[in-house]
Structures are given as C-alpha cells and as structure tokens.
Amino acid sequence: MRNVQVMAHWFCGDCDVEGRDVAAEPTCWNCGGAVTVTARPTIPADHPPADGAA
C-alpha cells in the first residue's frame, strides 16, 4: 500500500482568496476565518507539490 496525503483545496469568500492545506479543518491564510473546502484529493506522500506549496 502506498502512503498518501489528503490535500484540502479551499476558498475564502470574505477575502476572495484560495489555498491548499493538509489540515483537516483549514482556515484562511489571509484573515484566519472559516473557508469552504472545494476538494480533498489524495496525493502520494513522497511527492512534493509542483509549485512547492504546502
């Protein structure tokens, strides 16, 4: 079995920004407020994101 990591993709309607986080309940990096999770894809744990995020 391969190790995978869940990466939450989210959107903050108050700030109109989006981001990614490995936290189960992510918060906005800009205002610290609640966000809407738009996806929770799994990625291989040994594979860093292409843009270096998270």
PDB file of N, CA and C in Angstrom:
ATOM      1  N   MET A   1       0.840  -1.184   0.000  1.00  0.00           N
ATOM      2  CA  MET A   1       0.000   0.000   0.000  1.00  0.00           C
ATOM      3  C   MET A   1       0.886   1.248   0.000  1.00  0.00           C
ATOM      4  N   ARG A   2       0.538   2.190  -0.782  1.00  0.00           N
ATOM      5  CA  ARG A   2       1.303   3.422  -0.918  1.00  0.00           C
ATOM      6  C   ARG A   2       0.808   4.470   0.072  1.00  0.00           C
ATOM      7  N   ASN A   3       1.729   5.236   0.649  1.00  0.00           N
ATOM      8  CA  ASN A   3       1.355   6.317   1.555  1.00  0.00           C
ATOM      9  C   ASN A   3       0.788   7.480   0.758  1.00  0.00           C
ATOM     10  N   VAL A   4      -0.369   7.959   1.199  1.00  0.00           N
ATOM     11  CA  VAL A   4      -0.989   9.113   0.550  1.00  0.00           C
ATOM     12  C   VAL A   4      -1.301  10.173   1.597  1.00  0.00           C
ATOM     13  N   GLN A   5      -1.473  11.373   1.122  1.00  0.00           N
ATOM     14  CA  GLN A   5      -1.788  12.508   1.972  1.00  0.00           C
ATOM     15  C   GLN A   5      -3.008  13.199   1.377  1.00  0.00           C
ATOM     16  N   VAL A   6      -3.932  13.636   2.222  1.00  0.00           N
ATOM     17  CA  VAL A   6      -5.105  14.362   1.754  1.00  0.00           C
ATOM     18  C   VAL A   6      -4.776  15.846   1.759  1.00  0.00           C
ATOM     19  N   MET A   7      -4.982  16.498   0.630  1.00  0.00           N
ATOM     20  CA  MET A   7      -4.693  17.924   0.489  1.00  0.00           C
ATOM     21  C   MET A   7      -6.010  18.661   0.283  1.00  0.00           C
ATOM     22  N   ALA A   8      -6.408  19.500   1.228  1.00  0.00           N
ATOM     23  CA  ALA A   8      -7.656  20.252   1.107  1.00  0.00           C
ATOM     24  C   ALA A   8      -7.435  21.492   0.248  1.00  0.00           C
ATOM     25  N   HIS A   9      -8.230  21.635  -0.790  1.00  0.00           N
ATOM     26  CA  HIS A   9      -8.250  22.855  -1.598  1.00  0.00           C
ATOM     27  C   HIS A   9      -9.447  23.653  -1.093  1.00  0.00           C
ATOM     28  N   TRP A  10      -9.261  24.951  -0.829  1.00  0.00           N
ATOM     29  CA  TRP A  10     -10.325  25.729  -0.201  1.00  0.00           C
ATOM     30  C   TRP A  10     -10.438  27.125  -0.797  1.00  0.00           C
ATOM     31  N   PHE A  11     -11.566  27.796  -0.468  1.00  0.00           N
ATOM     32  CA  PHE A  11     -11.860  29.154  -0.937  1.00  0.00           C
ATOM     33  C   PHE A  11     -12.406  29.967   0.223  1.00  0.00           C
ATOM     34  N   CYS A  12     -11.933  31.199   0.391  1.00  0.00           N
ATOM     35  CA  CYS A  12     -12.458  32.115   1.409  1.00  0.00           C
ATOM     36  C   CYS A  12     -13.292  33.175   0.695  1.00  0.00           C
ATOM     37  N   GLY A  13     -14.597  33.150   0.911  1.00  0.00           N
ATOM     38  CA  GLY A  13     -15.492  34.104   0.270  1.00  0.00           C
ATOM     39  C   GLY A  13     -15.314  35.525   0.772  1.00  0.00           C
ATOM     40  N   ASP A  14     -14.909  35.689   2.035  1.00  0.00           N
ATOM     41  CA  ASP A  14     -14.712  37.032   2.589  1.00  0.00           C
ATOM     42  C   ASP A  14     -13.530  37.742   1.936  1.00  0.00           C
ATOM     43  N   CYS A  15     -12.452  37.012   1.703  1.00  0.00           N
ATOM     44  CA  CYS A  15     -11.223  37.605   1.146  1.00  0.00           C
ATOM     45  C   CYS A  15     -11.104  37.411  -0.361  1.00  0.00           C
ATOM     46  N   ASP A  16     -11.902  36.500  -0.921  1.00  0.00           N
ATOM     47  CA  ASP A  16     -11.811  36.132  -2.328  1.00  0.00           C
ATOM     48  C   ASP A  16     -10.418  35.585  -2.660  1.00  0.00           C
ATOM     49  N   VAL A  17      -9.914  34.710  -1.769  1.00  0.00           N
ATOM     50  CA  VAL A  17      -8.633  34.035  -1.993  1.00  0.00           C
ATOM     51  C   VAL A  17      -8.860  32.535  -1.872  1.00  0.00           C
ATOM     52  N   GLU A  18      -7.907  31.774  -2.369  1.00  0.00           N
ATOM     53  CA  GLU A  18      -7.984  30.322  -2.244  1.00  0.00           C
ATOM     54  C   GLU A  18      -6.628  29.782  -1.843  1.00  0.00           C
ATOM     55  N   GLY A  19      -6.620  28.540  -1.418  1.00  0.00           N
ATOM     56  CA  GLY A  19      -5.367  27.948  -0.989  1.00  0.00           C
ATOM     57  C   GLY A  19      -5.475  26.449  -0.856  1.00  0.00           C
ATOM     58  N   ARG A  20      -4.387  25.849  -0.372  1.00  0.00           N
ATOM     59  CA  ARG A  20      -4.319  24.408  -0.136  1.00  0.00           C
ATOM     60  C   ARG A  20      -3.712  24.193   1.233  1.00  0.00           C
ATOM     61  N   ASP A  21      -4.141  23.132   1.897  1.00  0.00           N
ATOM     62  CA  ASP A  21      -3.632  22.846   3.233  1.00  0.00           C
ATOM     63  C   ASP A  21      -3.823  21.368   3.529  1.00  0.00           C
ATOM     64  N   VAL A  22      -2.936  20.813   4.344  1.00  0.00           N
ATOM     65  CA  VAL A  22      -3.082  19.420   4.753  1.00  0.00           C
ATOM     66  C   VAL A  22      -3.896  19.311   6.041  1.00  0.00           C
ATOM     67  N   ALA A  23      -4.270  20.436   6.648  1.00  0.00           N
ATOM     68  CA  ALA A  23      -5.057  20.422   7.883  1.00  0.00           C
ATOM     69  C   ALA A  23      -6.453  19.870   7.613  1.00  0.00           C
ATOM     70  N   ALA A  24      -7.006  19.171   8.604  1.00  0.00           N
ATOM     71  CA  ALA A  24      -8.357  18.613   8.469  1.00  0.00           C
ATOM     72  C   ALA A  24      -9.401  19.723   8.380  1.00  0.00           C
ATOM     73  N   GLU A  25      -9.206  20.792   9.123  1.00  0.00           N
ATOM     74  CA  GLU A  25     -10.114  21.944   9.113  1.00  0.00           C
ATOM     75  C   GLU A  25      -9.298  23.196   8.798  1.00  0.00           C
ATOM     76  N   PRO A  26      -9.013  23.456   7.512  1.00  0.00           N
ATOM     77  CA  PRO A  26      -8.169  24.599   7.165  1.00  0.00           C
ATOM     78  C   PRO A  26      -8.842  25.936   7.456  1.00  0.00           C
ATOM     79  N   THR A  27      -8.028  26.966   7.626  1.00  0.00           N
ATOM     80  CA  THR A  27      -8.506  28.337   7.799  1.00  0.00           C
ATOM     81  C   THR A  27      -7.810  29.210   6.764  1.00  0.00           C
ATOM     82  N   CYS A  28      -8.372  30.378   6.529  1.00  0.00           N
ATOM     83  CA  CYS A  28      -7.830  31.306   5.538  1.00  0.00           C
ATOM     84  C   CYS A  28      -6.473  31.834   5.981  1.00  0.00           C
ATOM     85  N   TRP A  29      -5.500  31.821   5.087  1.00  0.00           N
ATOM     86  CA  TRP A  29      -4.171  32.339   5.399  1.00  0.00           C
ATOM     87  C   TRP A  29      -4.183  33.858   5.487  1.00  0.00           C
ATOM     88  N   ASN A  30      -5.198  34.505   4.910  1.00  0.00           N
ATOM     89  CA  ASN A  30      -5.246  35.966   4.885  1.00  0.00           C
ATOM     90  C   ASN A  30      -5.953  36.543   6.111  1.00  0.00           C
ATOM     91  N   CYS A  31      -7.150  36.023   6.426  1.00  0.00           N
ATOM     92  CA  CYS A  31      -7.937  36.594   7.528  1.00  0.00           C
ATOM     93  C   CYS A  31      -8.053  35.663   8.727  1.00  0.00           C
ATOM     94  N   GLY A  32      -7.677  34.393   8.564  1.00  0.00           N
ATOM     95  CA  GLY A  32      -7.788  33.434   9.654  1.00  0.00           C
ATOM     96  C   GLY A  32      -9.194  32.899   9.853  1.00  0.00           C
ATOM     97  N   GLY A  33     -10.110  33.270   8.973  1.00  0.00           N
ATOM     98  CA  GLY A  33     -11.502  32.865   9.100  1.00  0.00           C
ATOM     99  C   GLY A  33     -11.804  31.509   8.489  1.00  0.00           C
ATOM    100  N   ALA A  34     -13.077  31.152   8.567  1.00  0.00           N
ATOM    101  CA  ALA A  34     -13.556  29.883   8.022  1.00  0.00           C
ATOM    102  C   ALA A  34     -13.505  29.912   6.497  1.00  0.00           C
ATOM    103  N   VAL A  35     -13.289  28.743   5.907  1.00  0.00           N
ATOM    104  CA  VAL A  35     -13.208  28.608   4.458  1.00  0.00           C
ATOM    105  C   VAL A  35     -14.150  27.508   3.986  1.00  0.00           C
ATOM    106  N   THR A  36     -14.419  27.505   2.691  1.00  0.00           N
ATOM    107  CA  THR A  36     -15.196  26.448   2.059  1.00  0.00           C
ATOM    108  C   THR A  36     -14.228  25.501   1.368  1.00  0.00           C
ATOM    109  N   VAL A  37     -14.220  24.236   1.784  1.00  0.00           N
ATOM    110  CA  VAL A  37     -13.355  23.239   1.147  1.00  0.00           C
ATOM    111  C   VAL A  37     -14.009  22.839  -0.166  1.00  0.00           C
ATOM    112  N   THR A  38     -13.264  22.974  -1.257  1.00  0.00           N
ATOM    113  CA  THR A  38     -13.802  22.681  -2.584  1.00  0.00           C
ATOM    114  C   THR A  38     -13.387  21.315  -3.109  1.00  0.00           C
ATOM    115  N   ALA A  39     -12.322  20.736  -2.542  1.00  0.00           N
ATOM    116  CA  ALA A  39     -11.861  19.406  -2.959  1.00  0.00           C
ATOM    117  C   ALA A  39     -10.919  18.851  -1.907  1.00  0.00           C
ATOM    118  N   ARG A  40     -10.836  17.529  -1.845  1.00  0.00           N
ATOM    119  CA  ARG A  40      -9.895  16.852  -0.949  1.00  0.00           C
ATOM    120  C   ARG A  40      -9.222  15.699  -1.702  1.00  0.00           C
ATOM    121  N   PRO A  41      -8.402  16.033  -2.706  1.00  0.00           N
ATOM    122  CA  PRO A  41      -7.715  14.962  -3.439  1.00  0.00           C
ATOM    123  C   PRO A  41      -6.610  14.336  -2.598  1.00  0.00           C
ATOM    124  N   THR A  42      -6.246  13.113  -2.939  1.00  0.00           N
ATOM    125  CA  THR A  42      -5.110  12.468  -2.284  1.00  0.00           C
ATOM    126  C   THR A  42      -3.910  12.555  -3.215  1.00  0.00           C
ATOM    127  N   ILE A  43      -2.754  12.764  -2.624  1.00  0.00           N
ATOM    128  CA  ILE A  43      -1.515  12.819  -3.383  1.00  0.00           C
ATOM    129  C   ILE A  43      -0.525  11.882  -2.715  1.00  0.00           C
ATOM    130  N   PRO A  44       0.423  11.331  -3.455  1.00  0.00           N
ATOM    131  CA  PRO A  44       1.441  10.488  -2.824  1.00  0.00           C
ATOM    132  C   PRO A  44       2.209  11.297  -1.778  1.00  0.00           C
ATOM    133  N   ALA A  45       2.425  10.736  -0.604  1.00  0.00           N
ATOM    134  CA  ALA A  45       3.097  11.448   0.483  1.00  0.00           C
ATOM    135  C   ALA A  45       4.546  11.765   0.132  1.00  0.00           C
ATOM    136  N   ASP A  46       5.153  10.989  -0.748  1.00  0.00           N
ATOM    137  CA  ASP A  46       6.546  11.233  -1.119  1.00  0.00           C
ATOM    138  C   ASP A  46       6.689  12.139  -2.338  1.00  0.00           C
ATOM    139  N   HIS A  47       5.597  12.749  -2.793  1.00  0.00           N
ATOM    140  CA  HIS A  47       5.609  13.600  -3.975  1.00  0.00           C
ATOM    141  C   HIS A  47       5.299  15.035  -3.571  1.00  0.00           C
ATOM    142  N   PRO A  48       6.284  15.958  -3.602  1.00  0.00           N
ATOM    143  CA  PRO A  48       6.011  17.349  -3.243  1.00  0.00           C
ATOM    144  C   PRO A  48       5.166  18.030  -4.318  1.00  0.00           C
ATOM    145  N   PRO A  49       4.324  19.010  -3.945  1.00  0.00           N
ATOM    146  CA  PRO A  49       3.547  19.750  -4.941  1.00  0.00           C
ATOM    147  C   PRO A  49       4.473  20.404  -5.969  1.00  0.00           C
ATOM    148  N   ALA A  50       4.036  20.505  -7.200  1.00  0.00           N
ATOM    149  CA  ALA A  50       4.863  21.038  -8.277  1.00  0.00           C
ATOM    150  C   ALA A  50       5.292  22.477  -8.031  1.00  0.00           C
ATOM    151  N   ASP A  51       4.442  23.272  -7.371  1.00  0.00           N
ATOM    152  CA  ASP A  51       4.779  24.675  -7.136  1.00  0.00           C
ATOM    153  C   ASP A  51       5.406  24.912  -5.767  1.00  0.00           C
ATOM    154  N   GLY A  52       5.665  23.862  -5.001  1.00  0.00           N
ATOM    155  CA  GLY A  52       6.295  23.996  -3.695  1.00  0.00           C
ATOM    156  C   GLY A  52       5.347  24.417  -2.588  1.00  0.00           C
ATOM    157  N   ALA A  53       4.053  24.538  -2.864  1.00  0.00           N
ATOM    158  CA  ALA A  53       3.080  24.947  -1.848  1.00  0.00           C
ATOM    159  C   ALA A  53       2.889  23.850  -0.820  1.00  0.00           C
ATOM    160  N   ALA A  54       2.455  24.285   0.362  1.00  0.00           N
ATOM    161  CA  ALA A  54       2.148  23.390   1.480  1.00  0.00           C
ATOM    162  C   ALA A  54       3.360  22.603   1.816  1.00  0.00           C
TER     163      ALA A  54
END
